[in-house]
N, C-alpha and C. Protein backbone atom coordinates (compact mmCIF):
# COMPACT_ATOMS: atom_id res chain seq x y z
N MET A 1 -49.75 -41.32 -63.25
CA MET A 1 -49.07 -41.45 -62.45
C MET A 1 -47.69 -42.80 -62.79
N THR A 2 -46.53 -41.82 -62.26
CA THR A 2 -45.42 -42.77 -62.49
C THR A 2 -45.05 -43.71 -61.89
N ASP A 3 -44.83 -44.90 -62.68
CA ASP A 3 -44.62 -46.30 -61.91
C ASP A 3 -42.95 -46.38 -61.38
N ILE A 4 -43.06 -46.27 -59.97
CA ILE A 4 -41.83 -46.07 -59.25
C ILE A 4 -41.03 -47.45 -59.87
N ASN A 5 -41.47 -48.43 -59.98
CA ASN A 5 -40.52 -49.66 -60.71
C ASN A 5 -40.56 -49.91 -61.90
N LYS A 6 -40.71 -48.70 -62.54
CA LYS A 6 -40.20 -48.80 -64.23
C LYS A 6 -39.30 -47.23 -64.57
N TYR A 7 -38.74 -47.54 -65.68
CA TYR A 7 -37.81 -46.38 -66.09
C TYR A 7 -37.93 -46.46 -67.78
N THR A 8 -37.67 -45.21 -68.18
CA THR A 8 -37.81 -44.95 -69.38
C THR A 8 -36.29 -44.66 -70.26
N THR A 9 -36.42 -45.78 -71.40
CA THR A 9 -35.19 -45.49 -72.15
C THR A 9 -35.55 -45.74 -73.37
N ILE A 10 -34.20 -45.51 -74.25
CA ILE A 10 -34.54 -45.67 -75.77
C ILE A 10 -33.86 -47.09 -76.39
N THR A 11 -34.72 -47.43 -77.13
CA THR A 11 -34.48 -48.63 -77.79
C THR A 11 -33.52 -48.69 -78.99
N THR A 12 -33.24 -47.58 -79.83
CA THR A 12 -32.53 -47.63 -81.11
C THR A 12 -31.74 -46.47 -80.80
N PRO A 13 -30.61 -46.32 -81.40
CA PRO A 13 -29.64 -45.27 -81.51
C PRO A 13 -30.26 -44.36 -82.35
N GLY A 14 -30.20 -42.62 -82.30
CA GLY A 14 -30.63 -41.40 -82.96
C GLY A 14 -29.61 -40.59 -82.99
N THR A 15 -29.93 -40.00 -84.22
CA THR A 15 -28.94 -38.81 -84.89
C THR A 15 -29.67 -37.76 -85.04
N GLY A 16 -29.01 -36.14 -84.97
CA GLY A 16 -29.55 -35.16 -85.00
C GLY A 16 -28.60 -34.32 -85.56
N ASP A 17 -28.80 -33.40 -86.11
CA ASP A 17 -28.23 -31.91 -86.97
C ASP A 17 -28.71 -30.80 -86.91
N PHE A 18 -27.71 -30.24 -86.41
CA PHE A 18 -28.21 -28.71 -86.36
C PHE A 18 -26.65 -28.28 -86.85
N ARG A 19 -27.06 -26.77 -87.47
CA ARG A 19 -26.28 -25.98 -88.00
C ARG A 19 -26.39 -24.56 -87.79
N ASP A 20 -25.24 -23.81 -87.21
CA ASP A 20 -25.12 -22.61 -86.88
C ASP A 20 -24.08 -21.47 -87.31
N ARG A 21 -24.35 -20.60 -87.98
CA ARG A 21 -22.87 -19.94 -88.72
C ARG A 21 -21.77 -20.57 -89.41
N GLY A 22 -21.80 -21.59 -89.69
CA GLY A 22 -20.85 -22.63 -90.34
C GLY A 22 -20.56 -23.53 -89.76
N SER A 23 -20.64 -23.84 -88.09
CA SER A 23 -20.48 -24.60 -87.15
C SER A 23 -21.72 -25.56 -87.63
N LYS A 24 -20.77 -27.09 -87.32
CA LYS A 24 -21.98 -28.04 -87.22
C LYS A 24 -21.69 -29.17 -85.98
N PHE A 25 -23.16 -29.20 -85.61
CA PHE A 25 -23.28 -30.27 -84.33
C PHE A 25 -24.17 -31.64 -84.78
N LEU A 26 -23.57 -32.63 -84.69
CA LEU A 26 -23.64 -33.61 -85.39
C LEU A 26 -24.18 -34.77 -83.73
N ALA A 27 -25.54 -35.00 -83.56
CA ALA A 27 -25.61 -35.34 -82.11
C ALA A 27 -26.28 -36.81 -82.42
N TYR A 28 -25.45 -37.85 -81.65
CA TYR A 28 -25.65 -39.42 -81.77
C TYR A 28 -26.22 -39.82 -80.05
N SER A 29 -27.40 -40.17 -80.38
CA SER A 29 -27.99 -40.84 -79.06
C SER A 29 -27.91 -42.20 -79.09
N TYR A 30 -27.54 -42.65 -77.91
CA TYR A 30 -27.26 -44.57 -77.64
C TYR A 30 -28.14 -44.90 -76.42
N PRO A 31 -28.95 -45.97 -76.60
CA PRO A 31 -29.14 -46.71 -75.32
C PRO A 31 -28.23 -47.52 -74.88
N ILE A 32 -27.84 -47.51 -73.50
CA ILE A 32 -26.61 -47.65 -72.73
C ILE A 32 -26.95 -48.46 -71.54
N SER A 33 -26.00 -49.37 -71.34
CA SER A 33 -25.79 -49.91 -69.82
C SER A 33 -24.85 -50.13 -68.56
N SER A 34 -23.74 -49.32 -69.31
CA SER A 34 -22.70 -49.33 -68.15
C SER A 34 -21.75 -47.76 -68.95
N THR A 35 -20.88 -47.42 -68.21
CA THR A 35 -19.99 -46.72 -68.56
C THR A 35 -18.83 -47.61 -69.69
N ALA A 36 -18.60 -48.79 -69.63
CA ALA A 36 -17.77 -49.32 -70.54
C ALA A 36 -18.58 -48.95 -72.09
N ASP A 37 -19.93 -48.87 -71.81
CA ASP A 37 -20.50 -48.82 -73.24
C ASP A 37 -20.23 -47.31 -73.68
N VAL A 38 -20.17 -45.89 -73.06
CA VAL A 38 -19.67 -44.93 -72.83
C VAL A 38 -18.36 -44.82 -73.78
N LYS A 39 -17.23 -45.32 -73.24
CA LYS A 39 -16.25 -45.20 -73.68
C LYS A 39 -16.03 -46.06 -75.27
N GLU A 40 -16.58 -47.13 -75.26
CA GLU A 40 -16.65 -47.49 -76.80
C GLU A 40 -17.28 -46.64 -77.62
N LYS A 41 -18.63 -46.05 -77.46
CA LYS A 41 -19.00 -45.29 -78.49
C LYS A 41 -18.52 -43.79 -78.88
N LEU A 42 -17.69 -43.50 -77.70
CA LEU A 42 -16.95 -42.24 -77.55
C LEU A 42 -16.05 -42.65 -78.84
N GLN A 43 -14.90 -43.37 -78.77
CA GLN A 43 -13.90 -43.86 -79.34
C GLN A 43 -14.11 -44.13 -80.61
N ALA A 44 -15.26 -44.95 -81.12
CA ALA A 44 -15.81 -44.93 -82.51
C ALA A 44 -16.09 -43.55 -83.21
N LEU A 45 -16.59 -42.61 -82.60
CA LEU A 45 -16.93 -41.18 -83.10
C LEU A 45 -16.02 -40.79 -83.18
N LYS A 46 -15.00 -40.70 -82.06
CA LYS A 46 -13.76 -40.18 -82.46
C LYS A 46 -12.80 -40.67 -83.86
N LYS A 47 -12.96 -41.97 -84.05
CA LYS A 47 -12.50 -42.62 -85.14
C LYS A 47 -13.05 -42.17 -86.51
N GLU A 48 -14.74 -42.06 -86.32
CA GLU A 48 -15.56 -41.82 -87.11
C GLU A 48 -15.15 -39.97 -87.81
N HIS A 49 -14.83 -39.37 -86.50
CA HIS A 49 -14.83 -37.78 -86.78
C HIS A 49 -13.64 -37.18 -86.68
N PRO A 50 -12.65 -37.48 -87.05
CA PRO A 50 -11.22 -37.38 -86.17
C PRO A 50 -10.84 -35.66 -86.73
N LYS A 51 -11.66 -35.45 -87.60
CA LYS A 51 -11.07 -33.56 -87.87
C LYS A 51 -12.12 -32.70 -86.96
N ALA A 52 -13.01 -33.50 -86.35
CA ALA A 52 -14.32 -32.23 -85.43
C ALA A 52 -13.21 -31.77 -84.45
N VAL A 53 -13.49 -30.59 -83.81
CA VAL A 53 -12.97 -29.56 -82.90
C VAL A 53 -13.23 -30.69 -81.40
N HIS A 54 -14.22 -30.94 -81.57
CA HIS A 54 -15.12 -31.20 -79.79
C HIS A 54 -16.16 -32.35 -79.97
N HIS A 55 -15.95 -33.18 -79.07
CA HIS A 55 -16.80 -34.35 -78.92
C HIS A 55 -17.35 -34.25 -77.41
N CYS A 56 -18.56 -33.64 -77.38
CA CYS A 56 -18.87 -33.13 -75.98
C CYS A 56 -19.79 -34.27 -75.97
N TYR A 57 -20.19 -34.50 -74.65
CA TYR A 57 -21.17 -35.52 -74.41
C TYR A 57 -21.95 -35.70 -72.87
N ALA A 58 -23.02 -36.41 -72.77
CA ALA A 58 -23.59 -36.59 -71.38
C ALA A 58 -24.37 -38.05 -71.40
N TYR A 59 -24.37 -38.09 -69.81
CA TYR A 59 -25.25 -39.69 -69.79
C TYR A 59 -25.99 -39.86 -68.84
N ARG A 60 -26.81 -40.36 -68.50
CA ARG A 60 -27.29 -40.86 -66.92
C ARG A 60 -27.76 -42.23 -66.94
N LEU A 61 -27.15 -42.70 -65.93
CA LEU A 61 -27.22 -44.32 -66.12
C LEU A 61 -27.72 -45.02 -64.63
N GLY A 62 -28.27 -45.88 -64.91
CA GLY A 62 -28.34 -46.59 -63.46
C GLY A 62 -30.02 -46.26 -62.94
N THR A 63 -31.00 -47.02 -62.71
CA THR A 63 -32.15 -47.03 -62.57
C THR A 63 -32.73 -46.21 -61.90
N ASP A 64 -31.85 -45.76 -60.32
CA ASP A 64 -32.16 -44.67 -59.61
C ASP A 64 -31.54 -43.74 -60.30
N GLY A 65 -30.76 -43.60 -61.14
CA GLY A 65 -30.43 -42.30 -62.16
C GLY A 65 -29.56 -41.35 -61.78
N THR A 66 -28.89 -41.86 -60.62
CA THR A 66 -27.39 -41.65 -59.63
C THR A 66 -25.92 -41.00 -60.47
N GLN A 67 -26.32 -42.11 -61.40
CA GLN A 67 -24.67 -42.05 -61.89
C GLN A 67 -24.95 -40.97 -63.37
N PHE A 68 -24.18 -40.05 -63.49
CA PHE A 68 -24.56 -39.32 -64.54
C PHE A 68 -22.99 -38.34 -65.11
N ARG A 69 -23.19 -37.91 -65.96
CA ARG A 69 -21.82 -37.39 -66.31
C ARG A 69 -21.90 -36.08 -67.48
N ALA A 70 -21.44 -35.26 -67.66
CA ALA A 70 -21.77 -33.89 -68.39
C ALA A 70 -20.37 -33.74 -69.05
N VAL A 71 -20.05 -33.79 -70.33
CA VAL A 71 -18.66 -33.33 -70.57
C VAL A 71 -18.72 -31.93 -71.44
N ASP A 72 -17.73 -31.08 -71.62
CA ASP A 72 -17.73 -29.96 -72.34
C ASP A 72 -16.68 -30.25 -73.17
N ASP A 73 -15.59 -30.90 -73.08
CA ASP A 73 -14.49 -31.50 -74.10
C ASP A 73 -13.83 -30.13 -74.86
N GLY A 74 -13.51 -29.17 -74.16
CA GLY A 74 -13.07 -28.06 -74.32
C GLY A 74 -14.01 -26.76 -74.59
N GLU A 75 -14.82 -26.86 -74.52
CA GLU A 75 -15.89 -25.91 -74.88
C GLU A 75 -16.28 -25.00 -73.70
N PRO A 76 -16.26 -23.60 -73.37
CA PRO A 76 -16.48 -23.23 -72.35
C PRO A 76 -17.66 -23.93 -71.45
N SER A 77 -17.11 -23.76 -69.72
CA SER A 77 -17.79 -24.22 -68.93
C SER A 77 -19.47 -24.60 -68.93
N GLY A 78 -19.98 -25.49 -68.96
CA GLY A 78 -21.37 -25.66 -69.24
C GLY A 78 -22.31 -25.07 -70.28
N SER A 79 -21.42 -25.32 -71.51
CA SER A 79 -22.27 -24.60 -72.33
C SER A 79 -22.51 -25.81 -73.35
N ALA A 80 -21.91 -26.74 -73.24
CA ALA A 80 -21.97 -28.45 -73.73
C ALA A 80 -22.85 -29.35 -73.00
N GLY A 81 -22.01 -29.97 -72.12
CA GLY A 81 -22.36 -31.09 -71.57
C GLY A 81 -23.68 -31.03 -70.54
N LYS A 82 -23.85 -29.57 -69.73
CA LYS A 82 -24.80 -29.60 -69.27
C LYS A 82 -26.18 -29.42 -70.19
N PRO A 83 -26.37 -28.57 -71.10
CA PRO A 83 -27.21 -28.76 -72.59
C PRO A 83 -27.93 -30.11 -72.77
N ILE A 84 -26.65 -30.89 -72.99
CA ILE A 84 -26.91 -32.03 -73.43
C ILE A 84 -27.91 -32.92 -72.58
N LEU A 85 -27.02 -33.04 -71.48
CA LEU A 85 -27.92 -33.67 -69.78
C LEU A 85 -28.96 -33.20 -69.65
N GLY A 86 -29.46 -32.00 -70.00
CA GLY A 86 -30.34 -31.33 -69.53
C GLY A 86 -31.55 -31.91 -70.70
N GLN A 87 -31.39 -31.97 -71.98
CA GLN A 87 -32.62 -32.73 -72.77
C GLN A 87 -32.53 -33.96 -72.60
N ILE A 88 -31.74 -34.76 -72.02
CA ILE A 88 -31.89 -36.10 -71.39
C ILE A 88 -32.85 -36.59 -70.33
N ASP A 89 -32.72 -35.58 -69.54
CA ASP A 89 -33.38 -35.20 -68.13
C ASP A 89 -34.86 -35.15 -68.71
N SER A 90 -34.86 -33.77 -69.02
CA SER A 90 -36.36 -33.21 -69.63
C SER A 90 -37.41 -34.19 -70.10
N MET A 91 -36.65 -34.93 -71.08
CA MET A 91 -37.39 -36.39 -71.70
C MET A 91 -37.69 -37.39 -70.56
N GLY A 92 -37.08 -37.26 -69.30
CA GLY A 92 -36.96 -38.27 -68.25
C GLY A 92 -36.64 -39.56 -68.82
N LEU A 93 -34.91 -39.48 -69.08
CA LEU A 93 -34.82 -40.82 -69.98
C LEU A 93 -33.64 -41.25 -68.89
N ILE A 94 -33.40 -42.51 -68.90
CA ILE A 94 -32.24 -43.04 -68.13
C ILE A 94 -31.62 -44.29 -68.82
N ASN A 95 -30.47 -44.46 -68.77
CA ASN A 95 -29.61 -45.21 -69.63
C ASN A 95 -29.30 -44.62 -71.23
N VAL A 96 -28.89 -43.37 -70.93
CA VAL A 96 -29.26 -42.93 -72.64
C VAL A 96 -27.77 -42.19 -72.57
N LEU A 97 -26.82 -42.24 -73.54
CA LEU A 97 -26.02 -41.31 -73.90
C LEU A 97 -26.21 -40.58 -75.17
N VAL A 98 -25.70 -39.54 -75.11
CA VAL A 98 -25.79 -38.58 -76.22
C VAL A 98 -24.11 -37.68 -76.48
N ILE A 99 -23.90 -38.13 -77.81
CA ILE A 99 -22.24 -37.46 -77.93
C ILE A 99 -22.77 -36.66 -79.10
N VAL A 100 -22.27 -35.30 -79.06
CA VAL A 100 -22.60 -34.17 -79.68
C VAL A 100 -21.04 -34.07 -80.52
N VAL A 101 -20.91 -34.19 -81.71
CA VAL A 101 -19.63 -33.97 -82.58
C VAL A 101 -19.70 -32.36 -83.14
N ARG A 102 -18.80 -31.77 -83.11
CA ARG A 102 -18.95 -30.02 -83.44
C ARG A 102 -17.69 -30.03 -84.41
N TYR A 103 -18.08 -29.36 -85.58
CA TYR A 103 -17.04 -29.07 -86.32
C TYR A 103 -17.42 -27.25 -86.70
N PHE A 104 -16.05 -26.85 -86.29
CA PHE A 104 -16.32 -25.41 -86.44
C PHE A 104 -15.99 -24.77 -87.80
N GLY A 105 -16.92 -23.95 -87.43
CA GLY A 105 -17.53 -22.61 -88.74
C GLY A 105 -16.52 -21.78 -88.74
N GLY A 106 -15.70 -21.11 -88.24
CA GLY A 106 -14.91 -20.04 -88.24
C GLY A 106 -15.46 -18.81 -87.41
N THR A 107 -16.81 -19.06 -87.13
CA THR A 107 -17.39 -17.93 -86.64
C THR A 107 -17.49 -18.71 -84.81
N LEU A 108 -17.18 -17.40 -83.83
CA LEU A 108 -17.64 -17.74 -82.49
C LEU A 108 -18.75 -17.55 -82.27
N LEU A 109 -19.85 -18.47 -81.49
CA LEU A 109 -21.29 -18.19 -81.49
C LEU A 109 -21.48 -17.66 -80.13
N GLY A 110 -20.32 -18.05 -79.34
CA GLY A 110 -20.72 -17.06 -77.53
C GLY A 110 -21.19 -18.21 -76.91
N VAL A 111 -21.10 -18.11 -75.48
CA VAL A 111 -21.83 -19.49 -74.88
C VAL A 111 -23.59 -19.43 -74.95
N PRO A 112 -24.55 -18.57 -75.15
CA PRO A 112 -25.77 -18.86 -75.51
C PRO A 112 -25.83 -19.45 -76.74
N GLY A 113 -24.89 -18.91 -77.92
CA GLY A 113 -25.41 -19.76 -78.89
C GLY A 113 -25.08 -21.36 -78.78
N LEU A 114 -23.72 -21.68 -77.97
CA LEU A 114 -23.61 -22.85 -77.84
C LEU A 114 -24.49 -23.68 -77.03
N ILE A 115 -24.93 -23.32 -76.14
CA ILE A 115 -26.09 -23.77 -75.10
C ILE A 115 -27.09 -24.19 -76.17
N ASN A 116 -27.57 -23.47 -77.20
CA ASN A 116 -28.66 -23.70 -78.01
C ASN A 116 -28.48 -24.61 -79.00
N ALA A 117 -27.47 -24.30 -79.34
CA ALA A 117 -26.68 -25.60 -80.27
C ALA A 117 -26.92 -26.78 -79.79
N TYR A 118 -26.37 -27.11 -78.82
CA TYR A 118 -25.78 -28.27 -78.42
C TYR A 118 -27.59 -29.17 -77.61
N LYS A 119 -28.02 -28.01 -77.22
CA LYS A 119 -29.84 -28.44 -76.78
C LYS A 119 -30.35 -28.73 -78.17
N THR A 120 -30.10 -27.97 -78.65
CA THR A 120 -31.10 -28.33 -79.95
C THR A 120 -30.73 -29.55 -80.76
N ALA A 121 -29.33 -30.03 -81.06
CA ALA A 121 -28.86 -31.03 -81.59
C ALA A 121 -29.27 -32.29 -80.75
N THR A 122 -29.21 -32.25 -79.69
CA THR A 122 -29.59 -33.61 -78.87
C THR A 122 -31.24 -33.58 -78.80
N ALA A 123 -31.90 -32.86 -79.01
CA ALA A 123 -33.32 -32.67 -79.17
C ALA A 123 -33.85 -33.43 -79.84
N LEU A 124 -33.16 -33.02 -81.18
CA LEU A 124 -33.17 -33.77 -82.26
C LEU A 124 -32.78 -35.27 -82.91
N SER A 125 -31.41 -35.52 -82.01
CA SER A 125 -31.83 -36.78 -81.94
C SER A 125 -32.49 -37.74 -81.00
N LEU A 126 -32.67 -37.18 -79.93
CA LEU A 126 -33.79 -38.03 -79.21
C LEU A 126 -35.00 -38.26 -79.60
N GLU A 127 -35.88 -36.71 -80.09
CA GLU A 127 -37.49 -36.86 -80.37
C GLU A 127 -37.85 -37.63 -80.92
N LYS A 128 -37.52 -38.39 -81.68
CA LYS A 128 -37.75 -39.53 -82.97
C LYS A 128 -37.63 -40.75 -82.88
N VAL A 129 -36.41 -41.17 -81.59
CA VAL A 129 -36.27 -42.70 -81.45
C VAL A 129 -37.48 -43.20 -80.82
N PRO A 130 -37.53 -44.47 -80.67
CA PRO A 130 -38.66 -45.02 -80.06
C PRO A 130 -37.91 -44.90 -78.32
N LYS A 131 -39.31 -45.14 -77.47
CA LYS A 131 -38.88 -44.98 -76.22
C LYS A 131 -39.61 -46.64 -75.54
N THR A 132 -39.28 -46.76 -74.67
CA THR A 132 -39.77 -48.00 -73.90
C THR A 132 -39.95 -47.75 -72.12
N GLU A 133 -40.51 -48.37 -71.84
CA GLU A 133 -40.30 -48.44 -70.18
C GLU A 133 -40.37 -49.92 -69.83
N LYS A 134 -38.90 -50.08 -69.01
CA LYS A 134 -38.42 -51.40 -68.33
C LYS A 134 -38.51 -51.24 -67.20
N TRP A 135 -38.60 -52.52 -66.62
CA TRP A 135 -38.67 -52.66 -65.06
C TRP A 135 -37.48 -52.56 -64.54
N ILE A 136 -37.67 -51.98 -63.35
CA ILE A 136 -36.34 -51.68 -62.89
C ILE A 136 -36.23 -53.44 -61.59
N GLU A 137 -35.10 -53.53 -62.25
CA GLU A 137 -34.59 -54.80 -62.03
C GLU A 137 -33.41 -55.00 -60.55
N ASN A 138 -33.58 -56.10 -59.88
CA ASN A 138 -32.60 -56.68 -59.28
C ASN A 138 -31.83 -57.60 -59.63
N LEU A 139 -30.30 -57.86 -59.79
CA LEU A 139 -29.72 -58.49 -60.19
C LEU A 139 -29.14 -59.78 -59.38
N PHE A 140 -29.04 -61.25 -60.04
CA PHE A 140 -28.71 -62.45 -59.17
C PHE A 140 -27.98 -63.38 -60.00
N ASP A 141 -27.29 -63.92 -59.21
CA ASP A 141 -26.55 -65.31 -59.67
C ASP A 141 -27.32 -66.36 -59.16
N ILE A 142 -27.46 -67.40 -60.27
CA ILE A 142 -28.48 -68.34 -59.71
C ILE A 142 -27.43 -69.75 -60.37
N ASN A 143 -27.28 -70.62 -58.98
CA ASN A 143 -26.28 -71.67 -59.34
C ASN A 143 -27.32 -72.81 -59.23
N PHE A 144 -27.29 -74.02 -59.66
CA PHE A 144 -28.63 -75.25 -59.76
C PHE A 144 -27.48 -76.18 -60.95
N ASP A 145 -27.97 -77.47 -60.29
CA ASP A 145 -27.47 -78.68 -61.17
C ASP A 145 -28.58 -78.48 -62.12
N TYR A 146 -27.83 -79.46 -63.10
CA TYR A 146 -28.86 -79.79 -64.88
C TYR A 146 -30.20 -80.05 -64.31
N PRO A 147 -30.63 -81.07 -63.86
CA PRO A 147 -31.75 -81.21 -63.75
C PRO A 147 -32.96 -80.57 -63.14
N ALA A 148 -32.21 -79.25 -62.58
CA ALA A 148 -33.67 -77.89 -62.17
C ALA A 148 -33.50 -77.09 -63.19
N MET A 149 -32.65 -77.19 -64.08
CA MET A 149 -32.79 -75.95 -65.35
C MET A 149 -34.57 -75.88 -65.60
N GLY A 150 -35.23 -77.01 -65.93
CA GLY A 150 -36.57 -76.75 -66.14
C GLY A 150 -37.41 -75.76 -65.49
N GLU A 151 -37.12 -76.19 -64.19
CA GLU A 151 -38.08 -75.48 -63.30
C GLU A 151 -37.47 -73.89 -62.82
N VAL A 152 -36.26 -73.61 -63.14
CA VAL A 152 -35.79 -72.35 -62.69
C VAL A 152 -36.17 -71.56 -64.00
N LEU A 153 -35.73 -72.21 -65.12
CA LEU A 153 -36.24 -71.22 -66.38
C LEU A 153 -37.67 -70.83 -66.45
N TYR A 154 -38.95 -71.81 -66.05
CA TYR A 154 -39.81 -71.32 -65.71
C TYR A 154 -40.29 -70.66 -65.03
N LEU A 155 -39.44 -70.32 -63.68
CA LEU A 155 -40.05 -69.47 -62.81
C LEU A 155 -39.40 -68.20 -63.47
N LEU A 156 -37.92 -68.01 -64.07
CA LEU A 156 -37.48 -66.78 -64.37
C LEU A 156 -38.19 -66.09 -65.44
N LYS A 157 -39.07 -67.03 -66.44
CA LYS A 157 -39.92 -66.27 -67.48
C LYS A 157 -41.35 -66.01 -66.74
N GLN A 158 -41.70 -66.60 -65.82
CA GLN A 158 -42.85 -66.07 -65.06
C GLN A 158 -42.54 -64.83 -64.35
N ALA A 159 -41.60 -64.34 -63.79
CA ALA A 159 -41.16 -63.47 -63.26
C ALA A 159 -40.82 -62.38 -64.01
N GLU A 160 -40.80 -62.26 -65.80
CA GLU A 160 -40.54 -61.53 -66.56
C GLU A 160 -39.26 -61.17 -66.08
N ALA A 161 -37.95 -61.92 -65.97
CA ALA A 161 -37.14 -61.71 -65.95
C ALA A 161 -36.09 -61.88 -67.10
N THR A 162 -34.94 -60.69 -66.87
CA THR A 162 -34.29 -60.88 -68.10
C THR A 162 -32.95 -61.57 -67.64
N ILE A 163 -32.28 -62.60 -68.82
CA ILE A 163 -31.29 -63.00 -68.55
C ILE A 163 -29.65 -62.60 -69.30
N TYR A 164 -29.01 -62.34 -68.46
CA TYR A 164 -27.84 -61.65 -68.81
C TYR A 164 -26.57 -62.63 -69.38
N LYS A 165 -26.51 -63.81 -68.78
CA LYS A 165 -25.38 -64.23 -68.86
C LYS A 165 -26.02 -66.10 -68.39
N GLN A 166 -25.28 -67.12 -69.15
CA GLN A 166 -26.15 -68.30 -68.61
C GLN A 166 -24.77 -69.44 -69.36
N ASP A 167 -24.73 -70.30 -68.40
CA ASP A 167 -23.49 -71.21 -68.34
C ASP A 167 -24.11 -72.55 -67.79
N LEU A 168 -25.02 -73.51 -69.10
CA LEU A 168 -25.75 -74.26 -68.82
C LEU A 168 -25.11 -75.90 -69.26
N GLN A 169 -23.97 -76.12 -68.04
CA GLN A 169 -23.69 -77.49 -68.30
C GLN A 169 -23.89 -78.68 -67.21
N LEU A 170 -23.53 -78.91 -66.46
CA LEU A 170 -23.77 -80.08 -65.58
C LEU A 170 -24.01 -79.39 -64.49
N PHE A 171 -23.32 -78.60 -64.28
CA PHE A 171 -23.56 -77.52 -63.15
C PHE A 171 -23.76 -76.11 -63.89
N CYS A 172 -24.60 -75.43 -63.44
CA CYS A 172 -25.58 -74.17 -64.01
C CYS A 172 -25.46 -72.81 -63.67
N VAL A 173 -24.81 -71.95 -64.23
CA VAL A 173 -24.96 -70.49 -63.25
C VAL A 173 -25.90 -69.94 -64.67
N ILE A 174 -26.62 -68.96 -64.10
CA ILE A 174 -27.47 -68.02 -64.74
C ILE A 174 -27.59 -66.39 -64.36
N THR A 175 -26.94 -65.75 -64.68
CA THR A 175 -27.04 -64.07 -64.41
C THR A 175 -28.38 -63.59 -64.61
N ALA A 176 -29.58 -63.26 -63.83
CA ALA A 176 -30.70 -62.85 -64.43
C ALA A 176 -31.02 -61.19 -63.90
N GLY A 177 -31.65 -60.83 -64.32
CA GLY A 177 -32.39 -59.59 -63.61
C GLY A 177 -33.96 -59.67 -63.22
N ILE A 178 -34.28 -59.79 -62.16
CA ILE A 178 -35.51 -59.80 -61.55
C ILE A 178 -36.26 -58.66 -61.33
N PRO A 179 -37.33 -58.39 -61.88
CA PRO A 179 -38.10 -57.10 -61.52
C PRO A 179 -38.39 -56.86 -60.33
N ARG A 180 -37.77 -55.76 -60.06
CA ARG A 180 -37.46 -55.30 -58.25
C ARG A 180 -38.91 -55.71 -57.18
N HIS A 181 -39.80 -55.03 -58.06
CA HIS A 181 -41.04 -55.35 -57.39
C HIS A 181 -41.78 -56.73 -56.70
N GLN A 182 -40.88 -57.68 -57.65
CA GLN A 182 -41.38 -59.12 -57.42
C GLN A 182 -40.22 -59.71 -56.91
N SER A 183 -39.02 -59.38 -57.04
CA SER A 183 -37.92 -60.12 -56.84
C SER A 183 -38.02 -61.02 -55.40
N ASP A 184 -38.27 -60.55 -54.38
CA ASP A 184 -38.34 -61.25 -53.31
C ASP A 184 -39.24 -62.62 -53.31
N THR A 185 -40.45 -62.30 -54.00
CA THR A 185 -41.26 -63.38 -54.17
C THR A 185 -40.35 -64.67 -54.87
N TYR A 186 -39.86 -64.17 -55.89
CA TYR A 186 -39.44 -65.27 -57.01
C TYR A 186 -37.93 -65.72 -56.49
N VAL A 187 -37.25 -64.90 -55.41
CA VAL A 187 -36.05 -65.42 -55.02
C VAL A 187 -36.47 -66.62 -54.13
N GLN A 188 -37.04 -66.38 -53.23
CA GLN A 188 -37.96 -67.71 -52.57
C GLN A 188 -38.08 -68.75 -53.36
N ARG A 189 -38.77 -68.66 -54.29
CA ARG A 189 -39.67 -69.86 -55.00
C ARG A 189 -38.42 -70.27 -55.46
N LEU A 190 -37.28 -69.68 -56.28
CA LEU A 190 -36.31 -70.44 -56.66
C LEU A 190 -35.22 -71.01 -55.50
N SER A 191 -35.35 -70.58 -54.21
CA SER A 191 -34.71 -70.80 -53.51
C SER A 191 -34.97 -72.47 -52.46
N GLU A 192 -36.40 -72.32 -53.05
CA GLU A 192 -37.00 -73.49 -52.67
C GLU A 192 -36.98 -75.02 -53.52
N ILE A 193 -36.51 -74.68 -54.69
CA ILE A 193 -35.63 -75.70 -55.31
C ILE A 193 -34.76 -76.22 -55.07
N ARG A 194 -34.68 -77.81 -54.91
CA ARG A 194 -33.55 -78.43 -54.41
C ARG A 194 -32.49 -78.04 -55.42
N GLY A 195 -31.32 -77.76 -54.39
CA GLY A 195 -30.11 -77.90 -55.07
C GLY A 195 -29.99 -76.08 -55.96
N VAL A 196 -30.84 -75.30 -55.52
CA VAL A 196 -30.59 -74.06 -56.11
C VAL A 196 -30.06 -72.88 -55.15
N THR A 197 -29.03 -72.37 -55.51
CA THR A 197 -28.91 -71.38 -54.66
C THR A 197 -28.86 -69.99 -55.48
N VAL A 198 -29.37 -69.13 -54.78
CA VAL A 198 -29.60 -67.63 -55.23
C VAL A 198 -28.78 -66.29 -54.96
N LYS A 199 -27.81 -65.61 -55.47
CA LYS A 199 -26.83 -64.83 -54.56
C LYS A 199 -27.32 -63.70 -55.46
N ALA A 200 -27.48 -62.50 -54.84
CA ALA A 200 -27.97 -61.10 -54.84
C ALA A 200 -26.53 -60.70 -55.60
N ILE A 201 -26.15 -59.62 -56.61
CA ILE A 201 -25.24 -59.09 -57.13
C ILE A 201 -25.18 -57.61 -56.53
N LYS A 202 -26.12 -56.89 -57.45
CA LYS A 202 -26.55 -55.21 -57.42
C LYS A 202 -27.55 -55.11 -58.08
N GLU A 203 -28.37 -53.65 -57.84
CA GLU A 203 -29.08 -53.39 -58.61
C GLU A 203 -28.35 -53.25 -60.07
N ALA A 204 -29.59 -53.69 -60.96
CA ALA A 204 -29.14 -53.91 -62.16
C ALA A 204 -29.07 -52.31 -62.84
N VAL A 205 -28.30 -52.14 -63.61
CA VAL A 205 -28.30 -50.93 -64.62
C VAL A 205 -28.80 -50.67 -65.75
């Protein structure tokens, strides 16, 4: 049975290499947490492969899986981005980007050939990389005076929270993701500490 409080993602980047009638399809898969990551990875690959004719990609983002995109980058509509996204979805992955770089080999593959190539390259880049289950988190800003730091950090550790940002001065601010299934309990406990204020930001992705 699937735990609705968890999602599956990849822990390291992966690569896949598929060739058909002279065309090369080089797939690169990445764990991501925002659309800014997508832009950064895409720009880096365009620099690395300036002579490639297409840089097609797809991603699914957000622990509810509602943020996604499939881009054909000049290939016939539906022949590249959709098959890439289809592989991400068939493996049940979230917060994952796959970019497939194509070098044209001189022979047209037709839409069925392209679908197969993008699908296969994507599958090769994803199948060997380690996968992990992560808690779906709610994101909070926690503000407190320095003397409360010990209690705050103890509760966050107990909650298995992820600390995304921290500024620990005389007045401290921590941005933390608390697992959704127990965030209400721990927000209440944090709020009971003198001088601590907790503000919900949004669901973490």
